[in-house]
Amino acid sequence: MSIVARARDRGIETLILDSPHNRNALSAALVGDLTAALTDAGRDPGVRAVVLTHTGTTFSAGADLRDPPDPDALVGLLRRIIEVPKPVIARIAGHVRAGGLGLVGACDIAAASTESTFAFTEVRIGVAPAVISLTLLPRTDPRALARHYLTGERFDAAEAARTGLITAAGDDVDAVLEPVLDGVRRASPQGLVETKRLLTARVLETFDRDAADLTALSARLFASPQAREGMTAFLERRDAEWVV
């Protein structure tokens, strides 16, 4: 049974992350199901655009520490979002952490409710936001990203919009997205394909240049003693040994 639900309305294919037991964490199963769903949507001529959203109060909590995806599979998912020949639009009505922000960065447009919060928590468990940097470094304000990468602190939707992590925020995320969805419904399929190709060319150059190195870095860090301590501390809900 898939943990990515699907719905369609007037050419908009909505893919819903539906794994509430782990706050839509990026498990091997979720990464596989979402990649397959995006592939199907990309091949379907009846789909004009894809909306990526979620059940529950969390868009994605990041990597599933109990069932982590293979780093190559995560790279493949992020690249699929970039390469699928339809606009992919993130609809965020909850919290996003760590690896989940890579999904947001891969989307062409992202909108969030003002109650949403964001954090790059990798540094607090002894790793780095390596693979997700493929989508984030080319698109996000570098000074702001340095602060949030290095501190792991939580920030709000207004800050996410200011720094380019998301496109816009509002009290009602569906109201924010209403003109966006109207716009893509009015656009020609050919126009959307070629315009997305223009917008994503530099991001794909980053994948071609850096994906192998960042995947290796991620694997090395997750296998390290500090990461084992950080993940254990997180699961046990205590401070890691290095906290001063």
C-alpha atoms as a PDB file:
ATOM      1  CA  MET A   1       0.000   0.000   0.000  1.00  0.00           C
ATOM      2  CA  SER A   2       1.430   3.360  -1.061  1.00  0.00           C
ATOM      3  CA  ILE A   3       2.082   6.036   1.551  1.00  0.00           C
ATOM      4  CA  VAL A   4       1.719   8.720  -1.104  1.00  0.00           C
ATOM      5  CA  ALA A   5      -1.953   9.388  -1.850  1.00  0.00           C
ATOM      6  CA  ARG A   6      -3.084  10.941  -5.130  1.00  0.00           C
ATOM      7  CA  ALA A   7      -5.935  13.206  -6.180  1.00  0.00           C
ATOM      8  CA  ARG A   8      -6.667  15.217  -9.337  1.00  0.00           C
ATOM      9  CA  ASP A   9      -8.678  18.338 -10.066  1.00  0.00           C
ATOM     10  CA  ARG A  10      -8.708  20.172 -13.413  1.00  0.00           C
ATOM     11  CA  GLY A  11      -5.244  19.074 -14.436  1.00  0.00           C
ATOM     12  CA  ILE A  12      -3.616  19.479 -11.022  1.00  0.00           C
ATOM     13  CA  GLU A  13      -2.253  16.206  -9.647  1.00  0.00           C
ATOM     14  CA  THR A  14      -1.944  16.384  -5.873  1.00  0.00           C
ATOM     15  CA  LEU A  15       0.530  14.004  -4.228  1.00  0.00           C
ATOM     16  CA  ILE A  16      -0.046  13.699  -0.496  1.00  0.00           C
ATOM     17  CA  LEU A  17       2.646  12.453   1.872  1.00  0.00           C
ATOM     18  CA  ASP A  18       0.599  10.192   4.128  1.00  0.00           C
ATOM     19  CA  SER A  19       2.854   8.630   6.742  1.00  0.00           C
ATOM     20  CA  PRO A  20       1.652  10.304   9.957  1.00  0.00           C
ATOM     21  CA  HIS A  21       3.180   7.714  12.297  1.00  0.00           C
ATOM     22  CA  ASN A  22       6.651   9.145  11.599  1.00  0.00           C
ATOM     23  CA  ARG A  23       5.649  12.700  10.615  1.00  0.00           C
ATOM     24  CA  ASN A  24       6.163  11.975   6.919  1.00  0.00           C
ATOM     25  CA  ALA A  25       9.840  11.251   7.470  1.00  0.00           C
ATOM     26  CA  LEU A  26      11.844  10.323   4.398  1.00  0.00           C
ATOM     27  CA  SER A  27      11.876   6.571   4.779  1.00  0.00           C
ATOM     28  CA  ALA A  28      13.035   4.227   2.041  1.00  0.00           C
ATOM     29  CA  ALA A  29       9.357   3.462   1.338  1.00  0.00           C
ATOM     30  CA  LEU A  30       8.244   7.084   1.102  1.00  0.00           C
ATOM     31  CA  VAL A  31      11.143   8.038  -1.161  1.00  0.00           C
ATOM     32  CA  GLY A  32      10.336   5.113  -3.453  1.00  0.00           C
ATOM     33  CA  ASP A  33       6.603   5.791  -3.565  1.00  0.00           C
ATOM     34  CA  LEU A  34       7.033   9.515  -4.192  1.00  0.00           C
ATOM     35  CA  THR A  35       9.558   8.954  -6.951  1.00  0.00           C
ATOM     36  CA  ALA A  36       7.153   6.549  -8.672  1.00  0.00           C
ATOM     37  CA  ALA A  37       4.205   8.936  -8.310  1.00  0.00           C
ATOM     38  CA  LEU A  38       6.197  11.818  -9.799  1.00  0.00           C
ATOM     39  CA  THR A  39       7.269   9.618 -12.698  1.00  0.00           C
ATOM     40  CA  ASP A  40       3.646   8.717 -13.412  1.00  0.00           C
ATOM     41  CA  ALA A  41       2.549  12.358 -13.245  1.00  0.00           C
ATOM     42  CA  GLY A  42       5.339  13.420 -15.567  1.00  0.00           C
ATOM     43  CA  ARG A  43       4.251  10.907 -18.218  1.00  0.00           C
ATOM     44  CA  ASP A  44       0.530  11.682 -17.973  1.00  0.00           C
ATOM     45  CA  PRO A  45      -0.632  14.234 -20.577  1.00  0.00           C
ATOM     46  CA  GLY A  46      -3.652  14.997 -18.396  1.00  0.00           C
ATOM     47  CA  VAL A  47      -1.452  16.480 -15.676  1.00  0.00           C
ATOM     48  CA  ARG A  48      -0.643  20.181 -16.039  1.00  0.00           C
ATOM     49  CA  ALA A  49       1.123  20.601 -12.674  1.00  0.00           C
ATOM     50  CA  VAL A  50       1.838  18.666  -9.481  1.00  0.00           C
ATOM     51  CA  VAL A  51       1.074  19.843  -5.952  1.00  0.00           C
ATOM     52  CA  LEU A  52       3.110  18.170  -3.219  1.00  0.00           C
ATOM     53  CA  THR A  53       1.460  18.312   0.199  1.00  0.00           C
ATOM     54  CA  HIS A  54       0.936  16.254   3.357  1.00  0.00           C
ATOM     55  CA  THR A  55      -1.380  14.912   6.006  1.00  0.00           C
ATOM     56  CA  GLY A  56      -0.944  15.872   9.660  1.00  0.00           C
ATOM     57  CA  THR A  57       0.953  18.803  11.129  1.00  0.00           C
ATOM     58  CA  THR A  58       4.329  18.031   9.518  1.00  0.00           C
ATOM     59  CA  PHE A  59       5.183  18.285   5.833  1.00  0.00           C
ATOM     60  CA  SER A  60       8.269  16.143   6.454  1.00  0.00           C
ATOM     61  CA  ALA A  61      10.448  15.579   9.502  1.00  0.00           C
ATOM     62  CA  GLY A  62      13.516  14.779   7.393  1.00  0.00           C
ATOM     63  CA  ALA A  63      15.304  11.463   7.063  1.00  0.00           C
ATOM     64  CA  ASP A  64      13.730   8.532   8.869  1.00  0.00           C
ATOM     65  CA  LEU A  65      16.494   7.545  11.288  1.00  0.00           C
ATOM     66  CA  ARG A  66      14.974   4.082  11.768  1.00  0.00           C
ATOM     67  CA  ASP A  67      14.536   3.358   8.040  1.00  0.00           C
ATOM     68  CA  PRO A  68      16.738   5.833   6.164  1.00  0.00           C
ATOM     69  CA  PRO A  69      16.657   5.944   2.379  1.00  0.00           C
ATOM     70  CA  ASP A  70      19.752   5.119   0.385  1.00  0.00           C
ATOM     71  CA  PRO A  71      21.507   8.442  -0.365  1.00  0.00           C
ATOM     72  CA  ASP A  72      21.430   7.651  -4.094  1.00  0.00           C
ATOM     73  CA  ALA A  73      17.657   7.148  -3.893  1.00  0.00           C
ATOM     74  CA  LEU A  74      17.228  10.534  -2.192  1.00  0.00           C
ATOM     75  CA  VAL A  75      19.346  12.183  -4.882  1.00  0.00           C
ATOM     76  CA  GLY A  76      17.157  10.445  -7.456  1.00  0.00           C
ATOM     77  CA  LEU A  77      13.979  11.777  -5.851  1.00  0.00           C
ATOM     78  CA  LEU A  78      15.258  15.349  -5.723  1.00  0.00           C
ATOM     79  CA  ARG A  79      16.397  15.140  -9.331  1.00  0.00           C
ATOM     80  CA  ARG A  80      13.039  13.703 -10.364  1.00  0.00           C
ATOM     81  CA  ILE A  81      11.255  16.751  -8.919  1.00  0.00           C
ATOM     82  CA  ILE A  82      13.622  18.997 -10.860  1.00  0.00           C
ATOM     83  CA  GLU A  83      13.361  17.044 -14.113  1.00  0.00           C
ATOM     84  CA  VAL A  84       9.679  16.129 -14.231  1.00  0.00           C
ATOM     85  CA  PRO A  85       8.335  18.211 -17.168  1.00  0.00           C
ATOM     86  CA  LYS A  86       5.556  19.835 -15.134  1.00  0.00           C
ATOM     87  CA  PRO A  87       5.692  22.531 -12.446  1.00  0.00           C
ATOM     88  CA  VAL A  88       5.924  20.973  -8.974  1.00  0.00           C
ATOM     89  CA  ILE A  89       4.383  23.144  -6.261  1.00  0.00           C
ATOM     90  CA  ALA A  90       4.858  22.562  -2.543  1.00  0.00           C
ATOM     91  CA  ARG A  91       1.832  23.196  -0.315  1.00  0.00           C
ATOM     92  CA  ILE A  92       3.052  23.360   3.291  1.00  0.00           C
ATOM     93  CA  ALA A  93       0.562  23.579   6.140  1.00  0.00           C
ATOM     94  CA  GLY A  94       2.875  22.359   8.869  1.00  0.00           C
ATOM     95  CA  HIS A  95       6.470  21.946   9.925  1.00  0.00           C
ATOM     96  CA  VAL A  96       9.491  21.012   7.820  1.00  0.00           C
ATOM     97  CA  ARG A  97      12.783  19.734   9.131  1.00  0.00           C
ATOM     98  CA  ALA A  98      16.167  18.716   7.717  1.00  0.00           C
ATOM     99  CA  GLY A  99      15.838  16.510   4.645  1.00  0.00           C
ATOM    100  CA  GLY A 100      12.249  17.611   4.120  1.00  0.00           C
ATOM    101  CA  LEU A 101      13.626  21.016   3.186  1.00  0.00           C
ATOM    102  CA  GLY A 102      15.385  19.398   0.250  1.00  0.00           C
ATOM    103  CA  LEU A 103      11.979  18.526  -1.178  1.00  0.00           C
ATOM    104  CA  VAL A 104      10.857  22.119  -0.719  1.00  0.00           C
ATOM    105  CA  GLY A 105      13.997  23.397  -2.413  1.00  0.00           C
ATOM    106  CA  ALA A 106      13.471  21.085  -5.368  1.00  0.00           C
ATOM    107  CA  CYS A 107       9.941  22.361  -6.021  1.00  0.00           C
ATOM    108  CA  ASP A 108       9.468  25.130  -8.553  1.00  0.00           C
ATOM    109  CA  ILE A 109       7.088  27.086  -6.313  1.00  0.00           C
ATOM    110  CA  ALA A 110       6.471  26.652  -2.585  1.00  0.00           C
ATOM    111  CA  ALA A 111       3.821  28.187  -0.357  1.00  0.00           C
ATOM    112  CA  ALA A 112       3.395  27.781   3.387  1.00  0.00           C
ATOM    113  CA  SER A 113       0.960  28.756   6.099  1.00  0.00           C
ATOM    114  CA  THR A 114       2.168  31.344   8.586  1.00  0.00           C
ATOM    115  CA  GLU A 115       2.012  28.667  11.295  1.00  0.00           C
ATOM    116  CA  SER A 116       4.661  26.560   9.533  1.00  0.00           C
ATOM    117  CA  THR A 117       8.167  26.332  10.961  1.00  0.00           C
ATOM    118  CA  PHE A 118      11.448  25.231   9.452  1.00  0.00           C
ATOM    119  CA  ALA A 119      14.837  24.009  10.719  1.00  0.00           C
ATOM    120  CA  PHE A 120      18.010  22.440   9.358  1.00  0.00           C
ATOM    121  CA  THR A 121      18.662  20.130  12.298  1.00  0.00           C
ATOM    122  CA  GLU A 122      21.426  18.020  10.744  1.00  0.00           C
ATOM    123  CA  VAL A 123      24.260  19.794  12.561  1.00  0.00           C
ATOM    124  CA  ARG A 124      22.671  18.907  15.902  1.00  0.00           C
ATOM    125  CA  ILE A 125      22.916  15.169  15.257  1.00  0.00           C
ATOM    126  CA  GLY A 126      26.460  15.200  13.920  1.00  0.00           C
ATOM    127  CA  VAL A 127      25.847  15.297  10.166  1.00  0.00           C
ATOM    128  CA  ALA A 128      25.476  17.985   7.488  1.00  0.00           C
ATOM    129  CA  PRO A 129      22.712  18.944   5.022  1.00  0.00           C
ATOM    130  CA  ALA A 130      24.770  17.400   2.245  1.00  0.00           C
ATOM    131  CA  VAL A 131      22.462  15.870  -0.372  1.00  0.00           C
ATOM    132  CA  ILE A 132      19.716  18.463   0.077  1.00  0.00           C
ATOM    133  CA  SER A 133      22.242  21.217  -0.684  1.00  0.00           C
ATOM    134  CA  LEU A 134      21.909  20.163  -4.327  1.00  0.00           C
ATOM    135  CA  THR A 135      18.544  21.940  -4.434  1.00  0.00           C
ATOM    136  CA  LEU A 136      19.082  24.555  -1.727  1.00  0.00           C
ATOM    137  CA  LEU A 137      22.451  26.170  -2.429  1.00  0.00           C
ATOM    138  CA  PRO A 138      21.519  27.334  -5.950  1.00  0.00           C
ATOM    139  CA  ARG A 139      18.205  28.860  -4.863  1.00  0.00           C
ATOM    140  CA  THR A 140      18.477  30.236  -1.330  1.00  0.00           C
ATOM    141  CA  ASP A 141      20.109  33.355   0.131  1.00  0.00           C
ATOM    142  CA  PRO A 142      23.645  32.222   1.096  1.00  0.00           C
ATOM    143  CA  ARG A 143      24.045  34.334   4.237  1.00  0.00           C
ATOM    144  CA  ALA A 144      20.725  33.206   5.655  1.00  0.00           C
ATOM    145  CA  LEU A 145      21.442  29.615   4.703  1.00  0.00           C
ATOM    146  CA  ALA A 146      24.779  29.762   6.517  1.00  0.00           C
ATOM    147  CA  ARG A 147      23.063  30.851   9.721  1.00  0.00           C
ATOM    148  CA  HIS A 148      20.346  28.214   9.563  1.00  0.00           C
ATOM    149  CA  TYR A 149      22.693  25.403   8.470  1.00  0.00           C
ATOM    150  CA  LEU A 150      25.213  26.148  11.239  1.00  0.00           C
ATOM    151  CA  THR A 151      22.835  26.698  14.162  1.00  0.00           C
ATOM    152  CA  GLY A 152      19.937  24.332  13.470  1.00  0.00           C
ATOM    153  CA  GLU A 153      17.618  26.942  14.943  1.00  0.00           C
ATOM    154  CA  ARG A 154      13.933  27.059  14.107  1.00  0.00           C
ATOM    155  CA  PHE A 155      12.614  29.854  11.874  1.00  0.00           C
ATOM    156  CA  ASP A 156       9.208  30.913  10.628  1.00  0.00           C
ATOM    157  CA  ALA A 157       7.495  31.126   7.252  1.00  0.00           C
ATOM    158  CA  ALA A 158       8.211  34.843   6.860  1.00  0.00           C
ATOM    159  CA  GLU A 159      11.953  34.150   7.156  1.00  0.00           C
ATOM    160  CA  ALA A 160      11.634  31.211   4.767  1.00  0.00           C
ATOM    161  CA  ALA A 161      10.011  33.489   2.187  1.00  0.00           C
ATOM    162  CA  ARG A 162      12.528  36.305   2.736  1.00  0.00           C
ATOM    163  CA  THR A 163      15.443  33.974   2.059  1.00  0.00           C
ATOM    164  CA  GLY A 164      13.952  32.276  -0.999  1.00  0.00           C
ATOM    165  CA  LEU A 165      13.399  28.896   0.636  1.00  0.00           C
ATOM    166  CA  ILE A 166       9.697  29.293  -0.166  1.00  0.00           C
ATOM    167  CA  THR A 167       7.874  31.547  -2.597  1.00  0.00           C
ATOM    168  CA  ALA A 168       5.179  32.992  -0.330  1.00  0.00           C
ATOM    169  CA  ALA A 169       3.404  32.559   2.994  1.00  0.00           C
ATOM    170  CA  GLY A 170      -0.044  33.435   4.247  1.00  0.00           C
ATOM    171  CA  ASP A 171      -2.602  32.611   6.903  1.00  0.00           C
ATOM    172  CA  ASP A 172      -4.445  30.428   4.374  1.00  0.00           C
ATOM    173  CA  VAL A 173      -1.986  28.523   2.211  1.00  0.00           C
ATOM    174  CA  ASP A 174      -4.734  27.555  -0.241  1.00  0.00           C
ATOM    175  CA  ALA A 175      -5.577  31.223  -0.784  1.00  0.00           C
ATOM    176  CA  VAL A 176      -1.901  31.882  -1.487  1.00  0.00           C
ATOM    177  CA  LEU A 177      -1.856  29.096  -4.062  1.00  0.00           C
ATOM    178  CA  GLU A 178      -5.153  29.952  -5.762  1.00  0.00           C
ATOM    179  CA  PRO A 179      -3.656  32.411  -8.313  1.00  0.00           C
ATOM    180  CA  VAL A 180      -0.667  30.115  -8.836  1.00  0.00           C
ATOM    181  CA  LEU A 181      -2.856  27.170  -9.789  1.00  0.00           C
ATOM    182  CA  ASP A 182      -5.022  29.393 -11.962  1.00  0.00           C
ATOM    183  CA  GLY A 183      -1.895  30.553 -13.742  1.00  0.00           C
ATOM    184  CA  VAL A 184      -0.577  27.075 -14.555  1.00  0.00           C
ATOM    185  CA  ARG A 185      -4.026  25.981 -15.715  1.00  0.00           C
ATOM    186  CA  ARG A 186      -3.996  28.864 -18.205  1.00  0.00           C
ATOM    187  CA  ALA A 187      -0.462  28.118 -19.421  1.00  0.00           C
ATOM    188  CA  SER A 188       0.275  25.938 -22.441  1.00  0.00           C
ATOM    189  CA  PRO A 189       1.866  22.547 -21.708  1.00  0.00           C
ATOM    190  CA  GLN A 190       4.732  23.321 -24.094  1.00  0.00           C
ATOM    191  CA  GLY A 191       5.292  26.707 -22.491  1.00  0.00           C
ATOM    192  CA  LEU A 192       5.465  25.170 -19.038  1.00  0.00           C
ATOM    193  CA  VAL A 193       7.914  22.452 -20.101  1.00  0.00           C
ATOM    194  CA  GLU A 194      10.352  24.812 -21.784  1.00  0.00           C
ATOM    195  CA  THR A 195      10.102  27.488 -19.097  1.00  0.00           C
ATOM    196  CA  LYS A 196      10.811  24.954 -16.371  1.00  0.00           C
ATOM    197  CA  ARG A 197      13.787  23.736 -18.382  1.00  0.00           C
ATOM    198  CA  LEU A 198      15.198  27.279 -18.374  1.00  0.00           C
ATOM    199  CA  LEU A 199      14.645  27.677 -14.641  1.00  0.00           C
ATOM    200  CA  THR A 200      16.214  24.382 -13.609  1.00  0.00           C
ATOM    201  CA  ALA A 201      19.266  24.293 -15.886  1.00  0.00           C
ATOM    202  CA  ARG A 202      21.690  25.626 -13.256  1.00  0.00           C
ATOM    203  CA  VAL A 203      20.281  23.368 -10.563  1.00  0.00           C
ATOM    204  CA  LEU A 204      20.862  20.334 -12.777  1.00  0.00           C
ATOM    205  CA  GLU A 205      24.427  21.511 -13.381  1.00  0.00           C
ATOM    206  CA  THR A 206      24.892  21.342  -9.606  1.00  0.00           C
ATOM    207  CA  PHE A 207      23.590  17.760  -9.584  1.00  0.00           C
ATOM    208  CA  ASP A 208      25.946  16.768 -12.393  1.00  0.00           C
ATOM    209  CA  ARG A 209      28.941  18.350 -10.674  1.00  0.00           C
ATOM    210  CA  ASP A 210      28.353  17.636  -6.980  1.00  0.00           C
ATOM    211  CA  ALA A 211      25.900  14.758  -6.468  1.00  0.00           C
ATOM    212  CA  ALA A 212      28.504  12.011  -6.176  1.00  0.00           C
ATOM    213  CA  ASP A 213      30.656  13.934  -3.698  1.00  0.00           C
ATOM    214  CA  LEU A 214      27.711  14.991  -1.523  1.00  0.00           C
ATOM    215  CA  THR A 215      26.284  11.478  -1.510  1.00  0.00           C
ATOM    216  CA  ALA A 216      29.653  10.131  -0.330  1.00  0.00           C
ATOM    217  CA  LEU A 217      29.853  12.843   2.334  1.00  0.00           C
ATOM    218  CA  SER A 218      26.380  11.982   3.600  1.00  0.00           C
ATOM    219  CA  ALA A 219      27.187   8.274   3.817  1.00  0.00           C
ATOM    220  CA  ARG A 220      30.455   8.942   5.645  1.00  0.00           C
ATOM    221  CA  LEU A 221      28.874  11.268   8.183  1.00  0.00           C
ATOM    222  CA  PHE A 222      25.916   9.006   8.941  1.00  0.00           C
ATOM    223  CA  ALA A 223      28.332   6.140   9.636  1.00  0.00           C
ATOM    224  CA  SER A 224      30.460   8.205  12.040  1.00  0.00           C
ATOM    225  CA  PRO A 225      30.592   7.849  15.851  1.00  0.00           C
ATOM    226  CA  GLN A 226      29.320  11.414  16.355  1.00  0.00           C
ATOM    227  CA  ALA A 227      26.310  10.738  14.151  1.00  0.00           C
ATOM    228  CA  ARG A 228      25.537   7.552  16.072  1.00  0.00           C
ATOM    229  CA  GLU A 229      25.620   9.543  19.304  1.00  0.00           C
ATOM    230  CA  GLY A 230      23.541  12.351  17.796  1.00  0.00           C
ATOM    231  CA  MET A 231      20.866  10.037  16.428  1.00  0.00           C
ATOM    232  CA  THR A 232      20.740   8.051  19.669  1.00  0.00           C
ATOM    233  CA  ALA A 233      20.363  11.249  21.676  1.00  0.00           C
ATOM    234  CA  PHE A 234      17.593  12.413  19.363  1.00  0.00           C
ATOM    235  CA  LEU A 235      15.691   9.137  19.654  1.00  0.00           C
ATOM    236  CA  GLU A 236      16.167   9.123  23.432  1.00  0.00           C
ATOM    237  CA  ARG A 237      15.110  12.781  23.645  1.00  0.00           C
ATOM    238  CA  ARG A 238      18.226  13.925  25.467  1.00  0.00           C
ATOM    239  CA  ASP A 239      21.095  16.302  24.743  1.00  0.00           C
ATOM    240  CA  ALA A 240      23.987  14.866  22.776  1.00  0.00           C
ATOM    241  CA  GLU A 241      27.269  14.496  24.655  1.00  0.00           C
ATOM    242  CA  TRP A 242      28.806  17.534  22.965  1.00  0.00           C
ATOM    243  CA  VAL A 243      26.184  20.035  24.180  1.00  0.00           C
ATOM    244  CA  VAL A 244      27.838  22.646  26.431  1.00  0.00           C
END
